[in-house]
């Protein structure tokens, strides 16, 4: 697995009430990639609320199982999130990715995301800090 890539731990998430996850699902769009009944990956879109931020969305929870990597699964998941974002009127699609996840950063760049900042010491696990690279895809810069 890739626990360093996520902002929370399995233990912390597992201890939360199921209603929290129902709220997350209700307030976002979640896509899955399947091979038969087996889930290969997931990715979500969380659209911002409120009159001043409703033009923005966040690609969240992106994960592809190790055995499904390098098969185009991640690309198709991100493309699905982009498509849903466009249909929901999102103008800026943001994401954060751990700085040492070069394959993910390359994938996002190929799909039109650009780096705009680094959040230093964004995550901390086992006494080790990890920076996150902030990326955005601005739909107003391209013809849909």
Protein backbone atom coordinates (compact mmCIF):
# COMPACT_ATOMS: atom_id res chain seq x y z
CA UNK A 1 0.00 0.00 0.00
CA UNK A 2 0.98 3.67 0.06
CA UNK A 3 0.10 5.04 3.51
CA UNK A 4 2.45 7.98 3.13
CA UNK A 5 0.34 9.29 0.25
CA UNK A 6 -2.74 10.02 2.33
CA UNK A 7 -3.50 12.63 4.95
CA UNK A 8 -4.86 10.15 7.45
CA UNK A 9 -4.09 6.64 8.67
CA UNK A 10 -6.18 3.51 8.33
CA UNK A 11 -6.48 3.31 12.11
CA UNK A 12 -7.83 6.85 12.42
CA UNK A 13 -10.27 6.43 9.53
CA UNK A 14 -11.40 3.02 10.79
CA UNK A 15 -12.30 4.53 14.18
CA UNK A 16 -14.63 7.14 12.66
CA UNK A 17 -18.40 6.63 12.55
CA UNK A 18 -19.89 5.29 9.35
CA UNK A 19 -22.08 8.41 9.08
CA UNK A 20 -18.96 10.47 8.38
CA UNK A 21 -18.26 8.38 5.29
CA UNK A 22 -21.89 8.64 4.19
CA UNK A 23 -21.56 12.44 4.40
CA UNK A 24 -18.33 12.35 2.38
CA UNK A 25 -19.96 10.26 -0.33
CA UNK A 26 -23.07 12.44 -0.39
CA UNK A 27 -20.99 15.62 -0.76
CA UNK A 28 -18.70 14.30 -3.50
CA UNK A 29 -18.52 12.13 -6.60
CA UNK A 30 -16.56 8.91 -6.26
CA UNK A 31 -15.40 6.87 -9.24
CA UNK A 32 -14.09 3.33 -9.22
CA UNK A 33 -12.21 1.22 -11.73
CA UNK A 34 -13.16 -2.45 -11.77
CA UNK A 35 -12.01 -5.67 -13.37
CA UNK A 36 -14.99 -7.92 -12.95
CA UNK A 37 -15.97 -7.60 -9.29
CA UNK A 38 -12.47 -6.55 -8.19
CA UNK A 39 -11.88 -2.87 -7.52
CA UNK A 40 -8.61 -1.67 -9.05
CA UNK A 41 -8.71 1.98 -8.04
CA UNK A 42 -10.73 4.93 -6.86
CA UNK A 43 -10.75 8.70 -7.24
CA UNK A 44 -13.12 11.38 -6.08
CA UNK A 45 -14.26 14.88 -6.84
CA UNK A 46 -15.15 17.19 -4.00
CA UNK A 47 -16.71 20.36 -5.36
CA UNK A 48 -16.35 23.43 -3.17
CA UNK A 49 -19.47 25.02 -1.75
CA UNK A 50 -20.35 28.64 -1.22
CA UNK A 51 -20.72 31.53 -3.62
CA UNK A 52 -17.03 32.48 -3.67
CA UNK A 53 -15.52 28.99 -4.08
CA UNK A 54 -18.11 27.04 -6.08
CA UNK A 55 -15.95 27.39 -9.21
CA UNK A 56 -13.30 25.12 -7.62
CA UNK A 57 -13.12 21.40 -7.06
CA UNK A 58 -10.60 18.99 -5.58
CA UNK A 59 -9.46 15.63 -6.91
CA UNK A 60 -9.34 13.51 -3.74
CA UNK A 61 -8.71 9.95 -2.63
CA UNK A 62 -6.86 8.90 -5.78
CA UNK A 63 -5.52 5.37 -5.38
CA UNK A 64 -4.69 2.52 -7.74
CA UNK A 65 -3.83 -0.91 -6.37
CA UNK A 66 -0.21 -1.93 -7.03
CA UNK A 67 -1.17 -4.82 -9.33
CA UNK A 68 -3.20 -2.45 -11.53
CA UNK A 69 -0.57 0.27 -11.94
CA UNK A 70 0.96 1.06 -15.34
CA UNK A 71 -2.18 -0.23 -17.07
CA UNK A 72 -3.91 3.11 -17.66
CA UNK A 73 -6.25 2.73 -14.68
CA UNK A 74 -5.08 5.94 -13.00
CA UNK A 75 -5.34 7.90 -16.23
CA UNK A 76 -8.91 6.72 -16.82
CA UNK A 77 -9.90 7.55 -13.23
CA UNK A 78 -8.50 11.09 -13.46
CA UNK A 79 -10.16 11.55 -16.86
CA UNK A 80 -13.48 10.49 -15.28
CA UNK A 81 -13.01 13.04 -12.49
CA UNK A 82 -12.18 15.72 -15.06
CA UNK A 83 -15.30 14.87 -17.06
CA UNK A 84 -17.57 15.05 -14.00
CA UNK A 85 -15.88 18.29 -12.91
CA UNK A 86 -16.62 19.85 -16.28
CA UNK A 87 -20.27 18.79 -16.19
CA UNK A 88 -20.62 20.30 -12.71
CA UNK A 89 -19.22 23.66 -13.83
CA UNK A 90 -15.87 23.36 -12.05
CA UNK A 91 -13.38 25.85 -13.51
CA UNK A 92 -10.33 24.98 -11.39
CA UNK A 93 -9.59 21.37 -10.44
CA UNK A 94 -6.99 21.18 -7.68
CA UNK A 95 -5.07 18.31 -6.10
CA UNK A 96 -2.24 17.62 -3.70
CA UNK A 97 0.26 14.81 -4.27
CA UNK A 98 3.20 13.76 -2.13
CA UNK A 99 6.36 15.22 -3.60
CA UNK A 100 8.18 11.91 -4.06
CA UNK A 101 5.34 10.28 -6.03
CA UNK A 102 6.89 10.97 -9.42
CA UNK A 103 4.63 8.60 -11.41
CA UNK A 104 1.51 10.39 -10.14
CA UNK A 105 3.01 13.82 -10.76
CA UNK A 106 3.86 12.82 -14.35
CA UNK A 107 0.34 11.46 -14.88
CA UNK A 108 -1.27 14.66 -13.63
CA UNK A 109 1.05 16.80 -15.76
CA UNK A 110 0.20 14.74 -18.88
CA UNK A 111 -3.47 15.41 -18.17
CA UNK A 112 -2.96 19.17 -18.01
CA UNK A 113 -2.36 19.85 -14.32
CA UNK A 114 0.36 22.35 -13.47
CA UNK A 115 2.30 22.70 -10.24
CA UNK A 116 1.69 25.96 -8.41
CA UNK A 117 3.19 25.39 -4.98
CA UNK A 118 4.62 23.08 -2.36
CA UNK A 119 3.23 22.62 1.10
CA UNK A 120 6.31 21.89 3.19
CA UNK A 121 5.95 19.28 5.93
CA UNK A 122 2.35 18.73 4.88
CA UNK A 123 2.16 15.21 6.29
CA UNK A 124 3.93 13.58 9.22
CA UNK A 125 4.10 9.86 9.86
CA UNK A 126 6.47 8.04 12.16
CA UNK A 127 8.47 11.20 12.80
CA UNK A 128 9.06 11.69 9.05
CA UNK A 129 7.70 14.71 7.19
CA UNK A 130 6.47 14.63 3.61
CA UNK A 131 5.95 17.65 1.37
CA UNK A 132 2.94 17.85 -0.92
CA UNK A 133 2.96 19.37 -4.39
CA UNK A 134 -0.11 21.46 -5.15
CA UNK A 135 -1.39 21.18 -8.71
CA UNK A 136 -4.30 22.69 -10.64
CA UNK A 137 -6.03 22.21 -13.97
CA UNK A 138 -7.60 25.46 -15.16
CA UNK A 139 -10.41 24.67 -17.60
CA UNK A 140 -10.67 28.30 -18.69
CA UNK A 141 -7.24 27.95 -20.36
CA UNK A 142 -8.39 25.22 -22.73
CA UNK A 143 -11.24 24.62 -25.13
CA UNK A 144 -13.58 22.08 -23.65
